[in-house]
Protein backbone atom coordinates (compact mmCIF):
# COMPACT_ATOMS: atom_id res chain seq x y z
CA MET A 1 54.31 120.24 246.47
CA SER A 2 53.35 123.83 244.99
CA SER A 3 53.48 122.91 242.03
CA MET A 4 51.22 119.52 242.79
CA ALA A 5 49.16 122.33 244.34
CA GLU A 6 48.67 124.67 241.33
CA LEU A 7 48.18 121.00 239.06
CA LEU A 8 45.06 120.24 241.11
CA ALA A 9 43.47 123.91 241.24
CA SER A 10 43.96 123.67 237.58
CA ALA A 11 40.27 123.38 235.17
CA PRO A 12 42.12 121.15 232.42
CA PHE A 13 43.51 119.19 234.63
CA TRP A 14 40.06 117.76 235.75
CA VAL A 15 38.78 118.13 231.90
CA ALA A 16 41.60 116.21 231.31
CA VAL A 17 40.33 113.89 234.40
CA LEU A 18 36.97 113.59 232.85
CA ARG A 19 36.63 113.38 229.36
CA ILE A 20 39.46 110.29 230.00
CA ALA A 21 36.46 108.31 232.45
CA THR A 22 34.17 108.50 229.86
CA PRO A 23 34.69 104.97 228.31
CA LEU A 24 36.12 103.72 231.58
CA LEU A 25 32.56 104.45 232.69
CA LEU A 26 30.40 103.84 230.06
CA GLY A 27 32.04 100.35 230.06
CA THR A 28 31.98 99.76 233.62
CA LEU A 29 28.15 99.95 233.44
CA GLY A 30 28.36 98.01 230.49
CA VAL A 31 30.25 95.31 232.57
CA LEU A 32 28.60 96.43 236.17
CA LEU A 33 24.77 95.48 234.41
CA CYS A 34 26.28 91.66 232.38
CA GLU A 35 27.53 90.79 236.05
CA ARG A 36 24.83 91.58 237.88
CA ALA A 37 22.39 89.32 236.27
CA GLY A 38 25.63 86.70 236.80
CA VAL A 39 27.18 86.62 233.10
CA LEU A 40 31.00 87.61 233.20
CA ASN A 41 31.22 89.30 229.61
CA LEU A 42 35.35 89.51 228.63
CA GLY A 43 34.21 90.32 225.54
CA ILE A 44 34.42 94.37 225.97
CA GLU A 45 37.46 94.44 224.98
CA GLY A 46 36.74 93.33 221.68
CA ILE A 47 33.29 94.98 221.37
CA MET A 48 34.72 98.25 222.54
CA VAL A 49 37.28 98.01 219.67
CA ALA A 50 34.15 97.66 216.97
CA GLY A 51 32.20 99.78 218.28
CA ALA A 52 34.73 102.35 218.15
CA PHE A 53 35.17 101.29 214.32
CA GLY A 54 30.78 100.56 213.85
CA GLY A 55 30.37 104.23 215.18
CA TRP A 56 32.99 106.00 213.29
CA LEU A 57 32.21 103.79 209.92
CA ALA A 58 28.85 105.19 210.01
CA VAL A 59 29.87 108.98 210.68
CA TYR A 60 32.59 108.44 208.07
CA GLN A 61 29.60 106.85 205.02
CA GLY A 62 27.21 110.25 206.76
CA ALA A 63 24.90 109.05 209.29
CA PRO A 64 25.02 111.89 212.15
CA LEU A 65 26.59 111.48 214.59
CA TRP A 66 24.03 110.48 217.31
CA GLY A 67 23.81 107.81 214.32
CA GLY A 68 27.11 106.51 214.89
CA VAL A 69 26.51 106.45 218.58
CA LEU A 70 23.54 104.79 217.46
CA ALA A 71 25.62 102.37 215.28
CA ALA A 72 27.95 101.41 218.06
CA ALA A 73 25.66 100.96 221.03
CA VAL A 74 24.09 98.11 217.97
CA VAL A 75 27.40 96.56 216.71
CA GLY A 76 27.40 95.98 221.33
CA MET A 77 24.02 94.52 220.90
CA VAL A 78 24.45 91.77 218.40
CA PHE A 79 28.56 90.80 219.46
CA GLY A 80 26.67 90.78 222.96
CA LEU A 81 23.62 88.73 222.29
CA LEU A 82 25.75 85.67 220.82
CA HIS A 83 27.90 85.77 224.68
CA GLY A 84 24.32 85.66 225.75
CA TRP A 85 23.31 82.41 223.44
CA LEU A 86 26.90 80.59 223.89
CA THR A 87 26.90 81.52 227.88
CA VAL A 88 23.56 81.04 228.59
CA LYS A 89 21.99 79.12 226.00
CA LEU A 90 24.97 76.72 225.69
CA ALA A 91 26.08 77.73 228.82
CA LEU A 92 29.18 77.36 227.97
CA SER A 93 32.49 78.59 229.76
CA GLN A 94 31.68 82.40 230.42
CA HIS A 95 35.53 82.59 230.66
CA VAL A 96 36.18 81.22 227.26
CA SER A 97 33.56 83.20 225.26
CA GLY A 98 34.53 86.19 226.71
CA LEU A 99 37.68 85.94 224.97
CA GLY A 100 36.75 84.87 222.49
CA ILE A 101 34.52 87.66 221.35
CA THR A 102 37.04 89.56 221.92
CA LEU A 103 39.07 87.70 219.30
CA LEU A 104 36.13 87.86 217.09
CA ALA A 105 35.67 91.41 217.70
CA THR A 106 38.58 92.58 217.75
CA SER A 107 39.49 90.83 214.07
CA LEU A 108 36.33 91.35 211.66
CA ALA A 109 36.75 95.45 213.30
CA SER A 110 41.06 95.44 211.59
CA TYR A 111 39.61 93.43 208.40
CA ALA A 112 36.46 95.32 207.75
CA TYR A 113 38.62 98.38 208.29
CA ARG A 114 41.54 97.07 205.51
CA VAL A 115 39.14 96.28 203.06
CA SER A 116 37.07 99.87 203.31
CA PHE A 117 40.35 101.52 202.36
CA PRO A 118 42.67 99.39 201.17
CA LYS A 119 44.82 102.15 200.38
CA VAL A 120 45.20 104.60 202.79
CA ASP A 121 47.96 105.60 204.72
CA SER A 122 46.72 107.28 207.37
CA PRO A 123 43.32 106.83 208.86
CA PRO A 124 40.54 109.18 207.51
CA THR A 125 39.51 111.45 209.63
CA ILE A 126 36.17 112.90 210.80
CA THR A 127 33.87 115.49 212.85
CA PRO A 128 34.09 114.55 215.94
CA PHE A 129 31.46 115.93 218.97
CA ALA A 130 31.82 119.47 220.05
CA PRO A 131 32.15 120.95 223.61
CA MET A 132 28.78 122.01 225.46
CA GLU A 133 30.27 125.14 226.00
CA TRP A 134 26.88 126.57 226.17
CA LEU A 135 27.11 124.99 230.32
CA PRO A 136 27.79 126.75 232.23
CA VAL A 137 29.46 124.33 234.57
CA PRO A 138 32.97 124.84 233.95
CA VAL A 139 34.95 121.65 234.01
CA LEU A 140 31.07 120.09 232.17
CA ASN A 141 31.18 122.61 229.60
CA GLN A 142 34.63 122.01 228.19
CA GLN A 143 33.39 118.77 227.39
CA THR A 144 31.14 116.37 224.27
CA PRO A 145 27.51 115.51 225.01
CA LEU A 146 28.76 111.96 225.84
CA THR A 147 30.06 112.59 228.86
CA LEU A 148 27.11 114.40 229.77
CA LEU A 149 25.56 111.38 228.54
CA ALA A 150 27.62 108.67 231.17
CA LEU A 151 27.58 110.81 233.84
CA LEU A 152 23.47 110.72 233.32
CA LEU A 153 23.43 106.69 233.31
CA VAL A 154 24.82 106.75 236.35
CA PRO A 155 21.83 107.87 238.16
CA ALA A 156 19.34 106.07 235.49
CA VAL A 157 21.63 102.82 235.71
CA ALA A 158 20.86 102.67 240.04
CA GLY A 159 18.03 103.41 239.71
CA VAL A 160 16.67 100.67 237.68
CA LEU A 161 18.75 98.09 239.41
CA MET A 162 17.63 99.26 242.57
CA ARG A 163 13.90 100.63 242.40
CA THR A 164 12.10 98.48 240.09
CA PRO A 165 10.75 95.40 239.19
CA LEU A 166 13.03 95.01 236.57
CA GLY A 167 16.44 95.24 238.08
CA LEU A 168 14.64 93.05 241.14
CA ALA A 169 14.23 90.72 239.03
CA ILE A 170 17.91 91.11 237.53
CA ARG A 171 19.56 90.82 240.79
CA MET A 172 17.58 88.39 241.55
CA VAL A 173 19.09 86.24 238.69
CA GLY A 174 22.56 87.17 239.32
CA GLU A 175 21.46 85.97 243.14
CA ASN A 176 19.34 82.44 243.13
CA PRO A 177 18.16 82.65 239.89
CA SER A 178 15.81 79.55 240.86
CA ALA A 179 14.75 81.64 243.11
CA ALA A 180 13.61 83.77 239.91
CA GLU A 181 12.50 80.60 237.77
CA GLY A 182 9.76 80.09 241.37
CA GLN A 183 8.15 83.33 240.33
CA GLY A 184 7.57 82.58 236.59
CA LEU A 185 10.88 84.67 235.38
CA SER A 186 12.02 83.65 232.46
CA VAL A 187 16.20 83.36 233.85
CA ALA A 188 17.53 82.83 230.51
CA ARG A 189 16.03 86.37 228.83
CA LEU A 190 16.73 88.19 231.68
CA ARG A 191 20.27 87.39 231.47
CA ILE A 192 20.44 87.89 227.95
CA GLY A 193 18.85 91.59 228.14
CA ALA A 194 21.21 92.47 230.91
CA VAL A 195 24.04 91.37 228.67
CA VAL A 196 22.57 92.51 225.28
CA ALA A 197 22.14 96.27 227.30
CA GLY A 198 25.26 95.94 228.88
CA SER A 199 27.36 95.26 225.54
CA ALA A 200 25.60 98.01 223.64
CA LEU A 201 26.87 100.63 226.33
CA MET A 202 30.45 98.57 225.83
CA GLY A 203 30.07 99.68 221.86
CA VAL A 204 28.91 102.85 223.28
CA ALA A 205 32.02 103.11 225.53
CA GLY A 206 34.38 102.17 222.32
CA GLY A 207 32.39 104.37 220.41
CA PHE A 208 33.10 108.02 222.39
CA LEU A 209 37.23 106.76 221.41
CA THR A 210 36.27 107.67 217.46
CA LEU A 211 33.20 109.68 217.80
CA ALA A 212 34.76 112.61 220.53
CA ALA A 213 37.57 111.53 222.36
CA PHE A 214 40.01 111.81 218.56
CA ASN A 215 38.05 111.82 214.95
CA ALA A 216 39.76 108.84 213.32
CA PHE A 217 39.90 105.06 213.96
CA TYR A 218 43.40 103.72 214.68
CA PHE A 219 44.70 100.48 215.64
CA ASN A 220 45.44 99.49 219.60
CA MET A 221 43.02 102.71 219.79
CA VAL A 222 41.28 100.70 223.12
CA ASN A 223 44.43 99.99 225.26
CA GLY A 224 43.25 98.01 227.63
CA ARG A 225 40.37 99.79 228.53
CA GLY A 226 37.81 97.62 228.58
CA TRP A 227 40.17 94.88 230.84
CA VAL A 228 40.04 97.88 233.25
CA CYS A 229 35.98 98.01 233.32
CA VAL A 230 36.36 94.85 234.49
CA ALA A 231 38.78 95.37 237.86
CA LEU A 232 36.28 98.72 238.29
CA VAL A 233 33.71 96.46 238.88
CA VAL A 234 34.84 94.85 241.27
CA PHE A 235 36.37 98.20 242.29
CA ALA A 236 32.85 99.29 242.64
CA SER A 237 31.50 96.09 244.43
CA TRP A 238 28.71 96.63 241.91
CA ARG A 239 27.27 99.72 242.38
CA PRO A 240 26.70 102.22 239.23
CA GLY A 241 27.98 104.80 242.05
CA LYS A 242 30.88 103.49 243.26
CA ALA A 243 32.04 102.72 239.37
CA LEU A 244 31.91 106.72 239.05
CA LEU A 245 34.39 106.70 241.75
CA GLY A 246 36.58 104.63 240.29
CA ALA A 247 36.55 105.60 236.66
CA LEU A 248 37.26 108.17 238.49
CA LEU A 249 39.97 107.66 240.45
CA PHE A 250 41.77 105.79 237.43
CA ALA A 251 41.31 108.97 235.29
CA PHE A 252 42.55 111.10 237.88
CA PHE A 253 46.35 109.61 237.85
CA ASP A 254 46.21 108.42 234.48
CA ALA A 255 45.46 112.84 233.97
CA LEU A 256 48.62 112.18 236.18
CA GLN A 257 51.27 110.41 235.06
CA LEU A 258 50.64 112.56 231.55
CA ARG A 259 50.97 115.88 233.42
CA LEU A 260 53.93 113.91 235.65
CA GLN A 261 56.01 112.78 232.05
CA GLN A 262 55.10 116.40 230.85
CA ALA A 263 57.01 117.30 233.88
CA ASP A 264 59.83 116.03 234.68
CA GLY A 265 60.75 116.26 230.58
CA GLY A 266 61.44 120.03 231.52
CA ALA A 267 64.88 121.92 232.49
CA GLU A 268 63.67 121.99 235.72
CA ALA A 269 63.21 118.41 236.36
CA ALA A 270 65.58 117.77 239.11
CA LEU A 271 65.65 113.83 239.31
CA ALA A 272 64.78 112.13 235.44
CA LEU A 273 62.64 109.03 235.66
CA PRO A 274 61.42 106.60 233.32
CA TYR A 275 58.69 107.09 231.00
CA GLN A 276 57.34 103.82 232.17
CA LEU A 277 57.48 103.78 235.85
CA TYR A 278 54.37 107.20 234.71
CA LEU A 279 52.36 105.35 232.65
CA MET A 280 52.20 102.28 235.61
CA LEU A 281 50.92 104.36 238.05
CA PRO A 282 47.19 104.19 237.41
CA TYR A 283 47.27 100.66 236.44
CA ALA A 284 49.06 100.18 239.86
CA MET A 285 47.51 102.46 241.76
CA ALA A 286 44.46 100.74 240.02
CA ILE A 287 45.58 96.92 242.00
CA VAL A 288 46.10 98.88 245.47
CA ALA A 289 43.03 99.32 245.34
CA LEU A 290 41.65 96.54 244.32
CA VAL A 291 43.14 94.42 247.18
CA VAL A 292 41.68 96.85 249.34
CA VAL A 293 37.89 96.86 248.27
CA ALA A 294 38.11 93.08 246.76
CA ARG A 295 38.60 91.53 249.71
CA ARG A 296 35.13 92.84 251.43
CA ALA A 297 32.72 93.06 248.46
CA ALA A 298 29.59 91.39 248.16
CA TYR A 299 30.15 89.53 244.34
CA PRO A 300 26.05 88.15 242.76
CA GLN A 301 25.78 84.96 244.05
CA ALA A 302 25.28 83.30 240.47
CA LEU A 303 27.37 84.43 238.67
CA MET A 304 29.52 82.85 236.85
CA LYS A 305 27.38 79.40 237.35
CA PRO A 306 25.42 77.86 234.30
CA TYR A 307 21.62 77.60 234.49
CA ARG A 308 19.31 76.02 233.21
CA LYS A 309 15.88 75.65 234.08
CA GLY A 310 14.13 73.41 236.28
CA GLU A 311 17.30 72.80 238.21
CA ARG A 312 18.02 73.39 241.81
């Protein structure tokens, strides 16, 4: 019990929590924007992979770090535009399109890497973002600027969705697209715009992994984070503030399982447990949280429902 209290009082532990939460928060905000407009985007896993590779490759080729962030966002926007065209314009299955985007984006990133670096044994490295040590906040000053960006995006996205005409229009096409059309709004443009913007955030979420968390591109580095983001949106009831809470909660258990593995490997460990039990801890807790929250979650009424102009 005392060791757990020491862990919770340890600044490095909370630094790890915030670092782990950053790509989850960016990706969750991206999914939230898409779903608020009525479009499920299961392409997030592949978009994060492509964003991670695109941002890293841009910096490796000489672009500044923020140029790499922009490149990751643009990569996400391209795949978001494709997903929006397939699901909104052509009214194809959002599930099938999203999974297809994931497979396409992942395969293209793998192919581009093999073509760009055909004879390397280990991934080339870049100089990533440095911690913001100039900040007077103890935990935040060990994070990179992308973490600060993710935190600032929470009130920004909430403000746009809840307090602006644009946000009202986005929510309207996700709840009642026929009413939005009756107000003279273009359902297709709003939905595609939301998907493109959300996919840009997904690309930046992937870019964080190569530009801040690590300094190279590795296959399987996204490691299911995209699917976690889809679940966190349900946990958050499609609200940006709760999305931050959900990302931090998952990151807390993920950081905790890493510390538990280290403690369990020590000579003083009273009971040696398989490491797989520790690995499943954050996912098990996420499932429990979803079961508790999902029953009373108010999802957008037009989510996953195609809409054609003139339909009632």
